[in-house]
């Protein structure tokens, strides 16, 4: 999902945390944002830090792999 930033008119990603990304320690989370051409992943503790951008195919493969673990 993409939200439009009101001030600049530049698309802003809508980040959310996975309910499975933490073992009760709220500092251990990843956030994900879906965009038309990519799925973005970042560390919730460093929201302005590095991000991964994965194709939909790569994201689906990752989720399938993680589900088997």
N, C-alpha and C. Protein backbone atom coordinates (compact mmCIF):
# COMPACT_ATOMS: atom_id res chain seq x y z
N UNK A 1 0.85 -1.16 0.00
CA UNK A 1 0.00 0.00 0.00
C UNK A 1 0.89 1.23 0.00
N UNK A 2 0.51 2.23 -0.74
CA UNK A 2 1.24 3.49 -0.77
C UNK A 2 0.28 4.59 -0.37
N UNK A 3 0.74 5.47 0.47
CA UNK A 3 -0.04 6.65 0.84
C UNK A 3 0.60 7.86 0.19
N UNK A 4 -0.17 8.84 -0.11
CA UNK A 4 0.37 10.04 -0.70
C UNK A 4 0.66 11.05 0.40
N UNK A 5 1.89 11.53 0.46
CA UNK A 5 2.27 12.54 1.45
C UNK A 5 1.59 13.85 1.06
N UNK A 6 0.96 14.48 2.02
CA UNK A 6 0.18 15.68 1.74
C UNK A 6 1.06 16.85 1.32
N UNK A 7 2.19 17.04 1.95
CA UNK A 7 3.00 18.23 1.72
C UNK A 7 3.66 18.23 0.34
N UNK A 8 4.36 17.18 0.00
CA UNK A 8 5.13 17.17 -1.24
C UNK A 8 4.41 16.47 -2.39
N UNK A 9 3.38 15.72 -2.14
CA UNK A 9 2.73 14.94 -3.18
C UNK A 9 3.56 13.73 -3.59
N UNK A 10 4.57 13.39 -2.78
CA UNK A 10 5.44 12.25 -3.05
C UNK A 10 4.87 11.03 -2.35
N UNK A 11 4.82 9.89 -3.04
CA UNK A 11 4.29 8.69 -2.40
C UNK A 11 5.07 8.32 -1.14
N UNK A 12 4.36 7.97 -0.11
CA UNK A 12 4.95 7.55 1.17
C UNK A 12 4.51 6.11 1.42
N UNK A 13 5.45 5.27 1.78
CA UNK A 13 5.11 3.88 2.04
C UNK A 13 4.36 3.75 3.37
N UNK A 14 3.41 2.85 3.42
CA UNK A 14 2.66 2.55 4.64
C UNK A 14 3.28 1.30 5.27
N UNK A 15 4.07 1.48 6.31
CA UNK A 15 4.81 0.39 6.95
C UNK A 15 3.95 -0.29 8.00
N UNK A 16 4.12 -1.60 8.15
CA UNK A 16 3.46 -2.34 9.24
C UNK A 16 4.40 -3.40 9.76
N UNK A 17 4.19 -3.78 11.01
CA UNK A 17 5.02 -4.80 11.66
C UNK A 17 4.33 -6.15 11.58
N UNK A 18 5.11 -7.18 11.37
CA UNK A 18 4.59 -8.54 11.38
C UNK A 18 4.30 -8.96 12.81
N UNK A 19 3.21 -9.67 13.00
CA UNK A 19 2.90 -10.18 14.34
C UNK A 19 3.86 -11.29 14.74
N UNK A 20 4.61 -11.83 13.79
CA UNK A 20 5.55 -12.91 14.06
C UNK A 20 6.99 -12.44 14.18
N UNK A 21 7.25 -11.14 14.06
CA UNK A 21 8.63 -10.66 14.00
C UNK A 21 9.26 -10.49 15.37
N UNK A 22 8.53 -10.66 16.45
CA UNK A 22 9.08 -10.45 17.78
C UNK A 22 8.73 -11.61 18.69
N UNK A 23 9.62 -11.89 19.61
CA UNK A 23 9.37 -12.94 20.59
C UNK A 23 8.93 -12.34 21.93
N UNK A 24 8.31 -11.18 21.86
CA UNK A 24 7.90 -10.49 23.08
C UNK A 24 8.77 -9.29 23.37
N UNK A 25 9.92 -9.22 22.73
CA UNK A 25 10.81 -8.07 22.87
C UNK A 25 10.47 -7.12 21.74
N UNK A 26 9.79 -6.06 22.04
CA UNK A 26 9.29 -5.15 21.00
C UNK A 26 10.40 -4.51 20.18
N UNK A 27 11.64 -4.58 20.63
CA UNK A 27 12.74 -4.01 19.86
C UNK A 27 13.18 -4.88 18.71
N UNK A 28 12.72 -6.13 18.66
CA UNK A 28 13.15 -7.07 17.62
C UNK A 28 12.08 -7.22 16.55
N UNK A 29 11.89 -6.17 15.76
CA UNK A 29 10.83 -6.22 14.75
C UNK A 29 11.35 -5.77 13.39
N UNK A 30 10.75 -6.31 12.37
CA UNK A 30 10.94 -5.81 11.02
C UNK A 30 9.62 -5.20 10.59
N UNK A 31 9.70 -4.27 9.67
CA UNK A 31 8.50 -3.65 9.11
C UNK A 31 8.50 -3.90 7.61
N UNK A 32 7.31 -4.00 7.07
CA UNK A 32 7.13 -4.29 5.65
C UNK A 32 6.17 -3.25 5.06
N UNK A 33 6.44 -2.86 3.82
CA UNK A 33 5.54 -1.97 3.08
C UNK A 33 5.40 -2.51 1.67
N UNK A 34 4.17 -2.64 1.23
CA UNK A 34 3.89 -3.14 -0.13
C UNK A 34 3.75 -1.95 -1.08
N UNK A 35 4.40 -2.05 -2.21
CA UNK A 35 4.31 -1.04 -3.27
C UNK A 35 3.96 -1.78 -4.57
N UNK A 36 3.56 -1.07 -5.60
CA UNK A 36 3.17 -1.75 -6.84
C UNK A 36 4.24 -2.66 -7.44
N UNK A 37 5.50 -2.26 -7.38
CA UNK A 37 6.55 -3.04 -8.03
C UNK A 37 7.51 -3.71 -7.06
N UNK A 38 7.33 -3.53 -5.75
CA UNK A 38 8.28 -4.10 -4.79
C UNK A 38 7.65 -4.22 -3.42
N UNK A 39 8.27 -5.07 -2.61
CA UNK A 39 7.95 -5.18 -1.19
C UNK A 39 9.19 -4.67 -0.46
N UNK A 40 8.99 -3.69 0.40
CA UNK A 40 10.10 -3.07 1.12
C UNK A 40 10.16 -3.61 2.54
N UNK A 41 11.38 -3.81 3.04
CA UNK A 41 11.59 -4.35 4.38
C UNK A 41 12.62 -3.47 5.08
N UNK A 42 12.36 -3.15 6.37
CA UNK A 42 13.31 -2.34 7.14
C UNK A 42 13.29 -2.77 8.60
N UNK A 43 14.29 -2.35 9.34
CA UNK A 43 14.40 -2.58 10.78
C UNK A 43 13.57 -1.53 11.49
N UNK A 44 12.66 -1.94 12.35
CA UNK A 44 11.78 -0.98 13.02
C UNK A 44 12.53 -0.08 13.99
N UNK A 45 13.71 -0.49 14.42
CA UNK A 45 14.50 0.34 15.34
C UNK A 45 15.26 1.44 14.59
N UNK A 46 15.47 1.25 13.29
CA UNK A 46 16.21 2.23 12.49
C UNK A 46 15.42 2.54 11.23
N UNK A 47 14.31 3.23 11.40
CA UNK A 47 13.40 3.45 10.28
C UNK A 47 13.99 4.28 9.16
N UNK A 48 15.01 5.06 9.44
CA UNK A 48 15.65 5.83 8.36
C UNK A 48 16.91 5.12 7.86
N UNK A 49 17.17 3.92 8.35
CA UNK A 49 18.34 3.16 7.94
C UNK A 49 18.13 2.40 6.65
N UNK A 50 18.99 1.43 6.37
CA UNK A 50 18.90 0.66 5.13
C UNK A 50 17.57 -0.08 4.99
N UNK A 51 17.17 -0.26 3.76
CA UNK A 51 15.94 -0.99 3.43
C UNK A 51 16.22 -1.98 2.32
N UNK A 52 15.47 -3.04 2.32
CA UNK A 52 15.51 -4.00 1.21
C UNK A 52 14.29 -3.76 0.35
N UNK A 53 14.45 -3.88 -0.94
CA UNK A 53 13.32 -3.82 -1.87
C UNK A 53 13.34 -5.12 -2.67
N UNK A 54 12.30 -5.91 -2.52
CA UNK A 54 12.22 -7.22 -3.16
C UNK A 54 11.09 -7.24 -4.19
N UNK A 55 11.31 -7.97 -5.26
CA UNK A 55 10.23 -8.16 -6.22
C UNK A 55 9.14 -9.00 -5.56
N UNK A 56 7.96 -8.97 -6.12
CA UNK A 56 6.87 -9.80 -5.59
C UNK A 56 7.22 -11.27 -5.61
N UNK A 57 7.92 -11.71 -6.67
CA UNK A 57 8.34 -13.11 -6.79
C UNK A 57 9.33 -13.48 -5.69
N UNK A 58 10.32 -12.61 -5.46
CA UNK A 58 11.31 -12.88 -4.42
C UNK A 58 10.66 -12.88 -3.03
N UNK A 59 9.72 -11.98 -2.79
CA UNK A 59 9.03 -11.92 -1.50
C UNK A 59 8.22 -13.20 -1.28
N UNK A 60 7.51 -13.64 -2.30
CA UNK A 60 6.72 -14.87 -2.18
C UNK A 60 7.62 -16.07 -1.90
N UNK A 61 8.78 -16.13 -2.55
CA UNK A 61 9.73 -17.22 -2.31
C UNK A 61 10.26 -17.16 -0.88
N UNK A 62 10.56 -15.97 -0.39
CA UNK A 62 11.01 -15.81 0.99
C UNK A 62 9.95 -16.28 1.98
N UNK A 63 8.71 -15.86 1.77
CA UNK A 63 7.63 -16.26 2.68
C UNK A 63 7.43 -17.77 2.67
N UNK A 64 7.50 -18.39 1.50
CA UNK A 64 7.36 -19.85 1.42
C UNK A 64 8.49 -20.53 2.17
N UNK A 65 9.70 -20.03 2.02
CA UNK A 65 10.85 -20.59 2.74
C UNK A 65 10.70 -20.42 4.25
N UNK A 66 10.31 -19.22 4.67
CA UNK A 66 10.15 -18.95 6.11
C UNK A 66 9.04 -19.80 6.72
N UNK A 67 7.99 -20.05 5.98
CA UNK A 67 6.88 -20.86 6.49
C UNK A 67 7.29 -22.31 6.74
N UNK A 68 8.30 -22.77 6.01
CA UNK A 68 8.78 -24.15 6.20
C UNK A 68 9.71 -24.27 7.40
N UNK A 69 10.14 -23.17 7.96
CA UNK A 69 11.10 -23.18 9.08
C UNK A 69 10.42 -23.34 10.39
